[in-house]
Protein backbone atom coordinates (compact mmCIF):
# COMPACT_ATOMS: atom_id res chain seq x y z
CA MET A 1 -9.57 8.65 5.23
CA SER A 2 -12.07 10.74 3.23
CA GLU A 3 -15.64 9.75 3.24
CA SER A 4 -15.77 8.59 0.11
CA VAL A 5 -12.99 6.06 0.69
CA ARG A 6 -15.07 4.74 4.21
CA GLN A 7 -17.94 4.02 2.08
CA ASN A 8 -15.97 1.76 -0.51
CA LEU A 9 -14.48 -0.59 2.54
CA PRO A 10 -16.02 -3.81 3.39
CA ALA A 11 -18.01 -4.46 6.72
CA ALA A 12 -15.23 -6.89 7.61
CA ASP A 13 -11.71 -6.32 8.44
CA GLU A 14 -10.33 -8.24 5.45
CA ILE A 15 -10.11 -8.15 1.35
CA THR A 16 -11.24 -11.10 -0.75
CA LEU A 17 -9.16 -11.21 -4.27
CA HIS A 18 -10.25 -13.54 -6.78
CA PRO A 19 -6.96 -13.86 -9.12
CA SER A 20 -6.75 -15.80 -12.32
CA ALA A 21 -5.02 -19.23 -12.19
CA GLU A 22 -2.27 -17.71 -14.35
CA GLN A 23 -1.76 -14.56 -11.88
CA LEU A 24 -2.03 -16.82 -8.41
CA LEU A 25 0.39 -19.21 -10.18
CA VAL A 26 3.14 -15.90 -10.85
CA ILE A 27 2.26 -15.11 -7.14
CA ARG A 28 2.91 -18.52 -5.62
CA LYS A 29 6.09 -19.02 -7.43
CA ALA A 30 7.50 -15.29 -6.18
CA ALA A 31 6.62 -16.00 -2.50
CA GLU A 32 8.04 -19.30 -2.88
CA LEU A 33 11.22 -17.90 -4.06
CA ILE A 34 12.02 -15.83 -0.83
CA GLY A 35 10.15 -18.03 1.52
CA TRP A 36 6.94 -16.51 2.39
CA THR A 37 3.73 -17.29 2.23
CA VAL A 38 0.98 -15.73 -0.44
CA THR A 39 -0.63 -13.67 2.22
CA ASP A 40 2.54 -12.32 3.35
CA TYR A 41 3.68 -11.70 -0.14
CA VAL A 42 0.48 -10.15 -1.19
CA MET A 43 -0.06 -8.06 2.00
CA SER A 44 3.75 -6.68 1.52
CA ALA A 45 3.24 -6.00 -1.95
CA LEU A 46 -0.13 -3.85 -0.99
CA LEU A 47 1.79 -2.20 1.38
CA ASP A 48 4.58 -1.12 -0.39
CA ARG A 49 2.37 0.18 -2.98
CA ALA A 50 0.05 2.06 -0.56
CA GLU A 51 2.72 4.00 1.41
CA ARG A 52 4.28 4.78 -2.47
CA ASP A 53 1.12 6.40 -3.32
CA LEU A 54 0.26 8.17 0.03
CA TYR A 55 3.52 9.32 -0.62
CA GLU A 56 3.42 10.77 -3.95
CA HIS A 57 -0.07 12.02 -3.04
CA ALA A 58 1.54 14.01 -0.10
CA ALA A 59 4.68 15.33 -2.20
CA ALA A 60 2.20 16.76 -5.02
CA ARG A 61 0.27 18.55 -2.20
CA GLU A 62 3.11 20.14 -1.59
CA GLU A 63 3.12 19.55 2.07
CA MET A 64 6.49 17.53 2.15
CA PRO A 65 9.41 19.15 4.01
CA PRO A 66 12.29 20.90 1.89
CA THR A 67 14.30 18.74 0.29
CA ASN A 68 17.59 19.56 2.27
CA THR A 69 15.95 17.39 5.56
CA GLU A 70 16.18 13.92 6.16
CA PRO A 71 13.70 11.72 3.62
CA VAL A 72 9.59 11.79 5.05
CA ALA A 73 9.23 7.93 6.59
CA PRO A 74 6.01 6.37 4.75
CA LEU A 75 3.87 6.72 8.13
CA THR A 76 4.58 10.76 7.90
CA ALA A 77 3.64 10.97 4.37
CA LEU A 78 0.46 9.13 5.33
CA LEU A 79 -0.14 11.59 7.68
CA LEU A 80 0.45 14.34 5.95
CA ALA A 81 -1.69 13.58 2.74
CA TYR A 82 -5.01 12.99 5.20
CA THR A 83 -4.38 16.25 7.38
């Protein structure tokens, strides 16, 4: 992880969010539809987005294997993005 990213991380291993009432209602309804807790739903969405962004960043740096090989797993993309 780059130094600038590390400097912006909270000291504790937690993230605090303050959604509006409308945003929270939407998140709660979506989580209920699939039988998840709000925390599980939000964490899943955050991880999905982070993995996609890391994968796209690695691909943009042209460090991805040629297209005639197997798809790269998200963790591999993460490692490629920060090597």
